Each structure stands twice: as structure tokens, then as C-alpha cells.
């Protein structure tokens, strides 16, 4: 595995989502009981990362005979995993609401739900970068919580975007499109929700 593949895999939207949820939960820890911290952490990681990731692994195993790769290079194979992820995010939002999770944490799960619907709709016509989108969306929520001084965190998307281009998985337009679209839609949702 070369350095671009390592960066690409480590910048995967699903693994990044779990990390951002855990950071947000940590930042809200004084508002939560120890039991809430554990439950909200489990629910957040389960529905934002584990369920979609396990389905992708199952889907790839089932489609191995057609040489499906982990990057879902062909757009047509992205739809089913996206549908599972959208359902998972929707159920996760409901579960976080029932646990009285802080608004920002519930809001992030809702953003994943809405943004995934938008991305899968675009995927029907164009291979927009889910990696770039999966970095900028949750960072928008994190920066909203931490303040504008943390805006340089957006630089995290640069090596991931470069890796996707170097691996010939996306064009420059596709990574910029994914990053800007989801940053914008997440910001709109923040304005509406919070």
C-alpha cells in the first residue's frame, strides 16, 4: 500500500464520522451523566460508522466476483451502501433524540442523513467525492462548536483530496465539489437547527 492509499483509507468518511462524534461528546461531557456519555458514544459510533461500514464490507464480499473495489470506482455500486447509510443515520438521529443527546450531536447525525441524500442524488449523475464531503461536513459542525479560530482544521481535507486525485479515483472538480457542497449544506443546516 502506497502513501496515497494510506491517506485515502485513513480519510474515509465513515471512520472520520466516528472520530468527530467522539470529540463532540467529549466537548459536551459536563452536560452528560457517565451513563449518557457511554450510551450516546455507542449509538453515535454504531449508526454513523459501524453499520454503514459493516454493510460495505458485506456488500464487497458479495460482489467480489465482479472485482468490486473498496473505492466503489463505479458509481452504480455506490447506491445500495448509501441507502443503508441513510437509513442508519435516520435511525441514529431518532435514537440520539430519545437519549436527549446534546443538540449539536443530534444535529450532526441529522446532517449525515440529509447530506447523504443529497450526495446519493448527485452520484446518480456524477461521481462526487464522498471522501472530501465526509471531511468538510463534520468539520463544519466541529468548528461551529470550537469557534472560527479552528478554521485551519479544514486543511485536513487537502491531503485526502490529493490522495483521491493521485489514485485517479476523482478529478479536481469532484473533490472540490464534494468539499464545498457539503460544507455549504451543513452550514445551512446549522443555521436552521441551532
Protein backbone atom coordinates (compact mmCIF):
# COMPACT_ATOMS: atom_id res chain seq x y z
CA UNK A 1 0.00 0.00 0.00
CA UNK A 2 1.48 3.36 -1.01
CA UNK A 3 1.21 6.65 0.91
CA UNK A 4 -1.75 7.90 -1.16
CA UNK A 5 -3.72 4.74 -0.41
CA UNK A 6 -2.94 5.07 3.30
CA UNK A 7 -4.13 8.71 3.30
CA UNK A 8 -7.23 7.78 1.31
CA UNK A 9 -8.21 4.95 3.66
CA UNK A 10 -7.50 6.98 6.80
CA UNK A 11 -9.55 9.88 5.39
CA UNK A 12 -12.57 7.66 4.81
CA UNK A 13 -15.84 9.43 5.63
CA UNK A 14 -17.07 6.60 7.87
CA UNK A 15 -14.03 6.43 10.13
CA UNK A 16 -13.85 10.22 10.32
CA UNK A 17 -17.50 10.43 11.40
CA UNK A 18 -16.99 8.26 14.47
CA UNK A 19 -13.98 10.34 15.50
CA UNK A 20 -15.87 13.64 15.20
CA UNK A 21 -18.81 12.27 17.21
CA UNK A 22 -16.47 11.18 20.00
CA UNK A 23 -14.79 14.60 20.03
CA UNK A 24 -18.18 16.34 20.24
CA UNK A 25 -19.29 14.04 23.04
CA UNK A 26 -16.07 14.83 24.92
CA UNK A 27 -16.70 18.55 24.45
CA UNK A 28 -20.22 18.12 25.93
CA UNK A 29 -19.13 15.81 28.76
CA UNK A 30 -20.01 18.26 31.55
CA UNK A 31 -23.64 18.27 30.38
CA UNK A 32 -23.95 14.49 30.43
CA UNK A 33 -24.02 11.76 33.04
CA UNK A 34 -21.47 8.94 32.72
CA UNK A 35 -24.25 6.61 31.52
CA UNK A 36 -25.33 9.14 28.87
CA UNK A 37 -21.75 9.54 27.68
CA UNK A 38 -21.44 5.79 27.16
CA UNK A 39 -24.87 5.37 25.53
CA UNK A 40 -24.52 8.38 23.25
CA UNK A 41 -21.00 7.29 22.26
CA UNK A 42 -22.15 3.76 21.42
CA UNK A 43 -25.20 4.96 19.46
CA UNK A 44 -23.20 7.62 17.58
CA UNK A 45 -20.40 5.28 16.50
CA UNK A 46 -22.78 2.38 15.80
CA UNK A 47 -25.06 4.33 13.45
CA UNK A 48 -22.52 6.74 11.91
CA UNK A 49 -19.69 4.27 11.37
CA UNK A 50 -20.17 0.60 12.22
CA UNK A 51 -23.47 -0.22 10.49
CA UNK A 52 -22.58 1.52 7.20
CA UNK A 53 -19.03 0.09 7.29
CA UNK A 54 -20.14 -3.47 8.05
CA UNK A 55 -22.66 -3.30 5.22
CA UNK A 56 -19.96 -2.08 2.82
CA UNK A 57 -17.70 -4.99 3.82
CA UNK A 58 -20.60 -7.43 3.35
CA UNK A 59 -21.52 -5.84 0.01
CA UNK A 60 -17.95 -6.04 -1.28
CA UNK A 61 -17.67 -9.68 -0.20
CA UNK A 62 -20.91 -10.48 -2.06
CA UNK A 63 -19.76 -8.63 -5.19
CA UNK A 64 -16.17 -9.93 -5.13
CA UNK A 65 -16.81 -11.91 -8.30
CA UNK A 66 -17.22 -8.67 -10.26
CA UNK A 67 -13.99 -7.21 -8.85
CA UNK A 68 -15.69 -4.50 -6.83
CA UNK A 69 -13.06 -2.41 -5.05
CA UNK A 70 -13.17 -0.58 -1.73
CA UNK A 71 -13.27 2.76 -3.55
CA UNK A 72 -16.51 1.96 -5.36
CA UNK A 73 -14.91 3.25 -8.55
CA UNK A 74 -18.09 2.52 -10.48
CA UNK A 75 -20.91 4.86 -9.45
CA UNK A 76 -23.64 2.23 -9.85
CA UNK A 77 -22.28 0.24 -6.89
CA UNK A 78 -22.48 3.22 -4.53
CA UNK A 79 -26.29 3.35 -4.33
CA UNK A 80 -27.07 0.37 -2.04
CA UNK A 81 -24.40 1.25 0.56
CA UNK A 82 -25.69 4.82 0.54
CA UNK A 83 -29.27 3.67 1.15
CA UNK A 84 -28.12 1.59 4.14
CA UNK A 85 -26.11 4.54 5.45
CA UNK A 86 -29.07 6.92 5.06
CA UNK A 87 -31.33 4.51 6.97
CA UNK A 88 -28.65 4.12 9.64
CA UNK A 89 -28.28 7.89 10.03
CA UNK A 90 -32.05 8.31 10.27
CA UNK A 91 -32.37 5.66 12.98
CA UNK A 92 -29.30 7.10 14.72
CA UNK A 93 -30.92 10.56 14.79
CA UNK A 94 -34.07 9.10 16.37
CA UNK A 95 -32.04 7.16 18.95
CA UNK A 96 -29.96 10.21 19.89
CA UNK A 97 -33.15 12.23 20.29
CA UNK A 98 -34.60 9.57 22.59
CA UNK A 99 -31.40 9.71 24.68
CA UNK A 100 -31.67 13.52 24.97
CA UNK A 101 -28.26 13.91 23.35
CA UNK A 102 -27.00 17.49 23.04
CA UNK A 103 -28.45 19.34 20.05
CA UNK A 104 -25.11 19.53 18.25
CA UNK A 105 -24.63 15.75 18.41
CA UNK A 106 -28.19 15.02 17.23
CA UNK A 107 -27.72 17.72 14.62
CA UNK A 108 -24.56 16.14 13.25
CA UNK A 109 -26.33 12.81 12.78
CA UNK A 110 -29.19 14.63 11.06
CA UNK A 111 -26.64 16.39 8.82
CA UNK A 112 -25.24 12.99 7.83
CA UNK A 113 -28.78 11.89 6.95
CA UNK A 114 -29.59 14.97 4.83
CA UNK A 115 -26.15 15.31 3.22
CA UNK A 116 -26.13 11.62 2.25
CA UNK A 117 -29.46 12.02 0.48
CA UNK A 118 -28.01 14.97 -1.45
CA UNK A 119 -24.77 13.12 -2.28
CA UNK A 120 -26.51 9.93 -3.44
CA UNK A 121 -28.78 12.02 -5.68
CA UNK A 122 -25.72 13.60 -7.30
CA UNK A 123 -23.98 10.21 -7.52
CA UNK A 124 -26.68 9.07 -9.94
CA UNK A 125 -25.20 11.53 -12.46
CA UNK A 126 -21.68 12.42 -11.31
CA UNK A 127 -19.01 10.79 -9.13
CA UNK A 128 -18.75 13.47 -6.45
CA UNK A 129 -16.09 12.85 -3.79
CA UNK A 130 -17.56 11.28 -0.65
CA UNK A 131 -14.13 11.44 0.98
CA UNK A 132 -13.94 15.24 0.63
CA UNK A 133 -17.58 15.63 1.65
CA UNK A 134 -17.09 13.33 4.63
CA UNK A 135 -14.30 15.53 5.97
CA UNK A 136 -15.76 19.02 5.43
CA UNK A 137 -19.30 18.35 6.70
CA UNK A 138 -18.40 17.12 10.20
CA UNK A 139 -15.58 19.68 10.44
CA UNK A 140 -18.16 22.42 9.86
CA UNK A 141 -20.06 21.23 12.95
CA UNK A 142 -16.87 20.87 15.00
CA UNK A 143 -15.65 24.36 14.02
CA UNK A 144 -19.09 25.75 14.86
CA UNK A 145 -18.65 24.31 18.37
CA UNK A 146 -14.99 25.33 18.82
CA UNK A 147 -15.06 28.71 17.07
CA UNK A 148 -13.57 30.28 13.95
CA UNK A 149 -10.03 30.09 15.30
CA UNK A 150 -10.22 26.38 14.46
CA UNK A 151 -10.94 27.08 10.78
CA UNK A 152 -7.44 25.78 9.80
CA UNK A 153 -8.76 22.28 10.62
CA UNK A 154 -10.16 22.38 7.09
CA UNK A 155 -6.60 21.79 5.88
CA UNK A 156 -7.21 18.12 6.80
CA UNK A 157 -9.17 17.80 3.56
CA UNK A 158 -6.16 18.77 1.39
CA UNK A 159 -4.12 15.53 1.68
CA UNK A 160 -7.28 13.42 1.38
CA UNK A 161 -8.34 15.32 -1.75
CA UNK A 162 -4.83 14.99 -3.21
CA UNK A 163 -4.83 11.26 -2.47
CA UNK A 164 -8.15 10.78 -4.28
CA UNK A 165 -6.78 12.65 -7.31
CA UNK A 166 -3.40 10.86 -7.28
CA UNK A 167 -5.19 7.49 -7.10
CA UNK A 168 -7.27 8.57 -10.11
CA UNK A 169 -10.49 7.99 -8.15
CA UNK A 170 -11.66 11.58 -8.64
CA UNK A 171 -10.96 14.70 -10.63
CA UNK A 172 -10.13 18.04 -9.03
CA UNK A 173 -13.70 19.19 -9.75
CA UNK A 174 -15.16 16.14 -8.00
CA UNK A 175 -13.18 16.66 -4.78
CA UNK A 176 -13.80 20.40 -4.74
CA UNK A 177 -17.48 19.75 -5.47
CA UNK A 178 -17.79 17.27 -2.60
CA UNK A 179 -15.95 19.50 -0.14
CA UNK A 180 -17.77 22.74 -0.96
CA UNK A 181 -21.23 21.28 -1.40
CA UNK A 182 -21.31 19.50 1.95
CA UNK A 183 -19.63 22.38 3.79
CA UNK A 184 -22.38 24.64 2.41
CA UNK A 185 -25.30 22.27 3.09
CA UNK A 186 -24.01 21.58 6.61
CA UNK A 187 -23.71 25.31 7.29
CA UNK A 188 -27.32 25.81 6.11
CA UNK A 189 -28.46 23.02 8.42
CA UNK A 190 -26.54 24.55 11.34
CA UNK A 191 -28.34 27.86 10.72
CA UNK A 192 -31.71 26.07 10.68
CA UNK A 193 -31.12 23.63 13.57
CA UNK A 194 -29.01 25.59 16.03
